Amino acid sequence: MKVLLLNGSPRKDGNTSIAIREMVKIFEAEKVDIEVAQVGTEAVRGCIACGKCRTLGKCVFDDAVNEIAAKFEKADGIVIGTPVYYAAPNATVEACMQRLFYSSG
């Protein structure tokens, strides 16, 4: 089993990172193959629903999402860690998830 953990915090060593590290410990103890992707510090554009990802096999915006998408497709599970700002997830995480789910659908 392979699990992809997305860290949506712009603070690499903040509370979200602490929570992700705790989950990594549990997954490792259970012999689960894990990978952590730091997306909160990346510049990620939102999806514009152009549909090019379905014909090109990748998003026209060449940013971290294209790299994460390959890992996302191979993962059996995904954990999304994000700080909550104004009753919503970090905008970078939202944009990343929009594009990942749109391109895989």
N, C-alpha and C. Protein backbone atom coordinates (compact mmCIF):
# COMPACT_ATOMS: atom_id res chain seq x y z
N MET A 1 0.84 -1.18 0.00
CA MET A 1 0.00 0.00 0.00
C MET A 1 0.88 1.24 0.00
N LYS A 2 0.47 2.25 -0.75
CA LYS A 2 1.20 3.50 -0.83
C LYS A 2 0.27 4.65 -0.48
N VAL A 3 0.73 5.52 0.42
CA VAL A 3 -0.07 6.67 0.85
C VAL A 3 0.71 7.94 0.58
N LEU A 4 0.03 8.89 -0.03
CA LEU A 4 0.59 10.21 -0.30
C LEU A 4 0.02 11.17 0.74
N LEU A 5 0.91 11.88 1.42
CA LEU A 5 0.50 12.87 2.41
C LEU A 5 0.84 14.24 1.86
N LEU A 6 -0.16 15.12 1.77
CA LEU A 6 0.06 16.48 1.30
C LEU A 6 0.09 17.42 2.49
N ASN A 7 1.16 18.18 2.60
CA ASN A 7 1.28 19.18 3.66
C ASN A 7 0.96 20.53 3.04
N GLY A 8 -0.19 21.06 3.39
CA GLY A 8 -0.65 22.31 2.80
C GLY A 8 -0.26 23.55 3.57
N SER A 9 0.55 23.40 4.58
CA SER A 9 0.94 24.56 5.37
C SER A 9 2.09 25.32 4.72
N PRO A 10 2.03 26.64 4.75
CA PRO A 10 3.18 27.42 4.27
C PRO A 10 4.34 27.41 5.27
N ARG A 11 4.09 26.87 6.45
CA ARG A 11 5.15 26.76 7.46
C ARG A 11 5.63 25.31 7.51
N LYS A 12 6.84 25.09 7.04
CA LYS A 12 7.36 23.73 6.95
C LYS A 12 7.45 23.03 8.29
N ASP A 13 7.60 23.76 9.37
CA ASP A 13 7.72 23.15 10.69
C ASP A 13 6.59 23.58 11.63
N GLY A 14 5.43 23.90 11.08
CA GLY A 14 4.29 24.33 11.88
C GLY A 14 3.48 23.16 12.41
N ASN A 15 2.32 23.47 12.93
CA ASN A 15 1.45 22.46 13.55
C ASN A 15 0.99 21.39 12.55
N THR A 16 0.72 21.79 11.32
CA THR A 16 0.31 20.81 10.31
C THR A 16 1.43 19.81 10.06
N SER A 17 2.66 20.29 10.02
CA SER A 17 3.81 19.41 9.83
C SER A 17 3.97 18.44 10.99
N ILE A 18 3.71 18.92 12.19
CA ILE A 18 3.79 18.05 13.37
C ILE A 18 2.76 16.92 13.24
N ALA A 19 1.55 17.27 12.84
CA ALA A 19 0.50 16.26 12.68
C ALA A 19 0.87 15.26 11.58
N ILE A 20 1.41 15.76 10.48
CA ILE A 20 1.83 14.88 9.37
C ILE A 20 2.93 13.93 9.84
N ARG A 21 3.90 14.46 10.58
CA ARG A 21 4.99 13.61 11.09
C ARG A 21 4.47 12.50 11.98
N GLU A 22 3.47 12.81 12.80
CA GLU A 22 2.86 11.78 13.66
C GLU A 22 2.20 10.69 12.81
N MET A 23 1.54 11.08 11.74
CA MET A 23 0.91 10.10 10.85
C MET A 23 1.97 9.26 10.14
N VAL A 24 3.07 9.89 9.76
CA VAL A 24 4.17 9.17 9.11
C VAL A 24 4.68 8.08 10.03
N LYS A 25 4.84 8.39 11.31
CA LYS A 25 5.30 7.38 12.28
C LYS A 25 4.37 6.17 12.30
N ILE A 26 3.08 6.43 12.30
CA ILE A 26 2.10 5.34 12.35
C ILE A 26 2.15 4.52 11.06
N PHE A 27 2.18 5.18 9.92
CA PHE A 27 2.24 4.47 8.64
C PHE A 27 3.52 3.64 8.55
N GLU A 28 4.64 4.21 8.97
CA GLU A 28 5.90 3.47 8.91
C GLU A 28 5.86 2.25 9.83
N ALA A 29 5.28 2.40 11.00
CA ALA A 29 5.16 1.26 11.93
C ALA A 29 4.31 0.15 11.34
N GLU A 30 3.36 0.51 10.49
CA GLU A 30 2.49 -0.48 9.83
C GLU A 30 3.06 -0.93 8.48
N LYS A 31 4.30 -0.51 8.18
CA LYS A 31 4.99 -0.89 6.94
C LYS A 31 4.26 -0.38 5.69
N VAL A 32 3.64 0.79 5.79
CA VAL A 32 2.97 1.41 4.66
C VAL A 32 3.99 2.30 3.96
N ASP A 33 4.05 2.19 2.65
CA ASP A 33 4.94 3.03 1.83
C ASP A 33 4.34 4.43 1.78
N ILE A 34 5.09 5.44 2.21
CA ILE A 34 4.55 6.80 2.28
C ILE A 34 5.44 7.77 1.52
N GLU A 35 4.83 8.85 1.11
CA GLU A 35 5.57 9.97 0.55
C GLU A 35 4.86 11.24 0.99
N VAL A 36 5.64 12.23 1.41
CA VAL A 36 5.10 13.51 1.84
C VAL A 36 5.44 14.55 0.79
N ALA A 37 4.44 15.30 0.37
CA ALA A 37 4.64 16.38 -0.59
C ALA A 37 4.29 17.70 0.10
N GLN A 38 5.21 18.62 0.08
CA GLN A 38 5.01 19.95 0.67
C GLN A 38 4.41 20.86 -0.39
N VAL A 39 3.12 21.16 -0.29
CA VAL A 39 2.47 22.00 -1.30
C VAL A 39 2.18 23.41 -0.80
N GLY A 40 2.16 23.59 0.50
CA GLY A 40 1.81 24.89 1.07
C GLY A 40 2.78 25.99 0.78
N THR A 41 4.00 25.65 0.39
CA THR A 41 5.00 26.67 0.08
C THR A 41 5.12 26.89 -1.43
N GLU A 42 4.33 26.17 -2.22
CA GLU A 42 4.40 26.25 -3.67
C GLU A 42 3.41 27.28 -4.22
N ALA A 43 3.75 27.85 -5.37
CA ALA A 43 2.82 28.73 -6.09
C ALA A 43 1.98 27.83 -6.99
N VAL A 44 0.71 27.66 -6.67
CA VAL A 44 -0.18 26.76 -7.40
C VAL A 44 -1.34 27.56 -7.97
N ARG A 45 -1.54 27.47 -9.27
CA ARG A 45 -2.67 28.14 -9.92
C ARG A 45 -3.92 27.30 -9.77
N GLY A 46 -5.04 27.95 -9.73
CA GLY A 46 -6.31 27.25 -9.68
C GLY A 46 -6.68 26.68 -11.04
N CYS A 47 -7.54 25.68 -11.03
CA CYS A 47 -8.01 25.04 -12.26
C CYS A 47 -8.90 26.01 -13.02
N ILE A 48 -8.73 26.09 -14.35
CA ILE A 48 -9.59 26.92 -15.18
C ILE A 48 -10.50 26.06 -16.06
N ALA A 49 -10.53 24.75 -15.80
CA ALA A 49 -11.40 23.81 -16.50
C ALA A 49 -11.24 23.87 -18.01
N CYS A 50 -10.00 24.01 -18.48
CA CYS A 50 -9.75 24.06 -19.92
C CYS A 50 -9.80 22.67 -20.55
N GLY A 51 -9.62 21.62 -19.72
CA GLY A 51 -9.68 20.24 -20.20
C GLY A 51 -8.41 19.75 -20.88
N LYS A 52 -7.40 20.59 -20.98
CA LYS A 52 -6.16 20.19 -21.66
C LYS A 52 -5.44 19.05 -20.94
N CYS A 53 -5.64 18.94 -19.62
CA CYS A 53 -4.98 17.87 -18.87
C CYS A 53 -5.41 16.50 -19.38
N ARG A 54 -6.63 16.42 -19.85
CA ARG A 54 -7.14 15.13 -20.33
C ARG A 54 -6.56 14.76 -21.68
N THR A 55 -6.16 15.73 -22.47
CA THR A 55 -5.56 15.40 -23.77
C THR A 55 -4.03 15.38 -23.69
N LEU A 56 -3.46 16.27 -22.87
CA LEU A 56 -2.00 16.35 -22.75
C LEU A 56 -1.44 15.36 -21.72
N GLY A 57 -2.27 14.93 -20.79
CA GLY A 57 -1.80 14.07 -19.71
C GLY A 57 -1.17 14.83 -18.57
N LYS A 58 -1.21 16.15 -18.65
CA LYS A 58 -0.71 17.01 -17.58
C LYS A 58 -1.36 18.38 -17.72
N CYS A 59 -1.28 19.16 -16.67
CA CYS A 59 -1.88 20.49 -16.67
C CYS A 59 -1.03 21.46 -17.49
N VAL A 60 -1.70 22.43 -18.11
CA VAL A 60 -0.98 23.44 -18.89
C VAL A 60 -0.17 24.36 -17.99
N PHE A 61 -0.58 24.47 -16.73
CA PHE A 61 0.20 25.25 -15.77
C PHE A 61 1.28 24.34 -15.20
N ASP A 62 2.51 24.59 -15.58
CA ASP A 62 3.61 23.70 -15.19
C ASP A 62 4.14 24.11 -13.82
N ASP A 63 3.48 23.60 -12.79
CA ASP A 63 3.91 23.88 -11.43
C ASP A 63 3.95 22.58 -10.63
N ALA A 64 3.97 22.67 -9.34
CA ALA A 64 4.11 21.50 -8.47
C ALA A 64 3.00 20.47 -8.67
N VAL A 65 1.84 20.88 -9.13
CA VAL A 65 0.72 19.95 -9.27
C VAL A 65 1.03 18.86 -10.29
N ASN A 66 1.72 19.19 -11.37
CA ASN A 66 2.07 18.16 -12.35
C ASN A 66 2.96 17.09 -11.73
N GLU A 67 3.86 17.49 -10.88
CA GLU A 67 4.75 16.55 -10.19
C GLU A 67 3.96 15.70 -9.19
N ILE A 68 3.07 16.34 -8.46
CA ILE A 68 2.26 15.64 -7.46
C ILE A 68 1.25 14.71 -8.13
N ALA A 69 0.74 15.10 -9.30
CA ALA A 69 -0.29 14.31 -9.99
C ALA A 69 0.19 12.88 -10.26
N ALA A 70 1.44 12.72 -10.65
CA ALA A 70 1.97 11.38 -10.92
C ALA A 70 1.98 10.55 -9.63
N LYS A 71 2.32 11.17 -8.53
CA LYS A 71 2.33 10.48 -7.23
C LYS A 71 0.90 10.18 -6.79
N PHE A 72 0.00 11.10 -7.05
CA PHE A 72 -1.42 10.96 -6.71
C PHE A 72 -2.03 9.76 -7.42
N GLU A 73 -1.72 9.60 -8.69
CA GLU A 73 -2.27 8.50 -9.49
C GLU A 73 -1.80 7.13 -8.98
N LYS A 74 -0.58 7.06 -8.44
CA LYS A 74 -0.01 5.80 -7.98
C LYS A 74 -0.40 5.47 -6.53
N ALA A 75 -0.93 6.44 -5.82
CA ALA A 75 -1.24 6.26 -4.40
C ALA A 75 -2.53 5.47 -4.20
N ASP A 76 -2.51 4.63 -3.18
CA ASP A 76 -3.72 3.91 -2.77
C ASP A 76 -4.55 4.74 -1.80
N GLY A 77 -3.88 5.67 -1.14
CA GLY A 77 -4.56 6.53 -0.18
C GLY A 77 -3.93 7.90 -0.17
N ILE A 78 -4.67 8.88 0.29
CA ILE A 78 -4.16 10.25 0.35
C ILE A 78 -4.59 10.87 1.68
N VAL A 79 -3.66 11.60 2.29
CA VAL A 79 -3.94 12.34 3.51
C VAL A 79 -3.63 13.80 3.19
N ILE A 80 -4.58 14.66 3.50
CA ILE A 80 -4.41 16.08 3.22
C ILE A 80 -4.36 16.81 4.54
N GLY A 81 -3.23 17.41 4.81
CA GLY A 81 -3.06 18.20 6.03
C GLY A 81 -3.02 19.67 5.65
N THR A 82 -3.87 20.46 6.29
CA THR A 82 -3.91 21.89 5.96
C THR A 82 -4.31 22.71 7.18
N PRO A 83 -3.72 23.88 7.30
CA PRO A 83 -4.25 24.79 8.31
C PRO A 83 -5.60 25.31 7.81
N VAL A 84 -6.42 25.77 8.73
CA VAL A 84 -7.72 26.33 8.36
C VAL A 84 -7.67 27.83 8.57
N TYR A 85 -7.89 28.54 7.48
CA TYR A 85 -7.91 30.01 7.52
C TYR A 85 -9.31 30.48 7.21
N TYR A 86 -9.91 31.25 8.09
CA TYR A 86 -11.24 31.82 7.87
C TYR A 86 -12.24 30.73 7.47
N ALA A 87 -12.25 29.64 8.23
CA ALA A 87 -13.19 28.52 8.07
C ALA A 87 -13.03 27.77 6.75
N ALA A 88 -11.83 27.81 6.17
CA ALA A 88 -11.58 27.09 4.91
C ALA A 88 -10.14 26.61 4.87
N PRO A 89 -9.89 25.56 4.10
CA PRO A 89 -8.50 25.10 3.95
C PRO A 89 -7.64 26.17 3.28
N ASN A 90 -6.36 26.04 3.44
CA ASN A 90 -5.40 26.90 2.76
C ASN A 90 -5.73 26.93 1.26
N ALA A 91 -5.71 28.10 0.64
CA ALA A 91 -6.08 28.25 -0.78
C ALA A 91 -5.17 27.45 -1.70
N THR A 92 -3.91 27.29 -1.35
CA THR A 92 -2.99 26.49 -2.17
C THR A 92 -3.44 25.04 -2.21
N VAL A 93 -3.86 24.51 -1.08
CA VAL A 93 -4.35 23.13 -1.02
C VAL A 93 -5.63 23.00 -1.84
N GLU A 94 -6.52 23.95 -1.72
CA GLU A 94 -7.76 23.90 -2.49
C GLU A 94 -7.47 23.88 -3.99
N ALA A 95 -6.58 24.75 -4.45
CA ALA A 95 -6.24 24.81 -5.87
C ALA A 95 -5.59 23.51 -6.32
N CYS A 96 -4.71 22.97 -5.52
CA CYS A 96 -4.02 21.71 -5.83
C CYS A 96 -5.03 20.58 -5.94
N MET A 97 -5.94 20.48 -4.99
CA MET A 97 -6.92 19.40 -5.00
C MET A 97 -7.88 19.53 -6.17
N GLN A 98 -8.30 20.75 -6.48
CA GLN A 98 -9.15 20.99 -7.64
C GLN A 98 -8.53 20.39 -8.89
N ARG A 99 -7.29 20.74 -9.11
CA ARG A 99 -6.61 20.29 -10.32
C ARG A 99 -6.34 18.80 -10.32
N LEU A 100 -5.97 18.24 -9.17
CA LEU A 100 -5.73 16.80 -9.10
C LEU A 100 -7.00 16.01 -9.40
N PHE A 101 -8.09 16.41 -8.79
CA PHE A 101 -9.33 15.67 -8.98
C PHE A 101 -9.94 15.91 -10.36
N TYR A 102 -9.78 17.09 -10.90
CA TYR A 102 -10.31 17.37 -12.24
C TYR A 102 -9.58 16.53 -13.29
N SER A 103 -8.25 16.51 -13.18
CA SER A 103 -7.46 15.79 -14.19
C SER A 103 -7.60 14.28 -14.07
N SER A 104 -7.93 13.79 -12.87
CA SER A 104 -8.04 12.33 -12.71
C SER A 104 -9.45 11.83 -13.00
N GLY A 105 -10.39 12.75 -13.11
CA GLY A 105 -11.79 12.37 -13.29
C GLY A 105 -12.11 12.12 -14.69
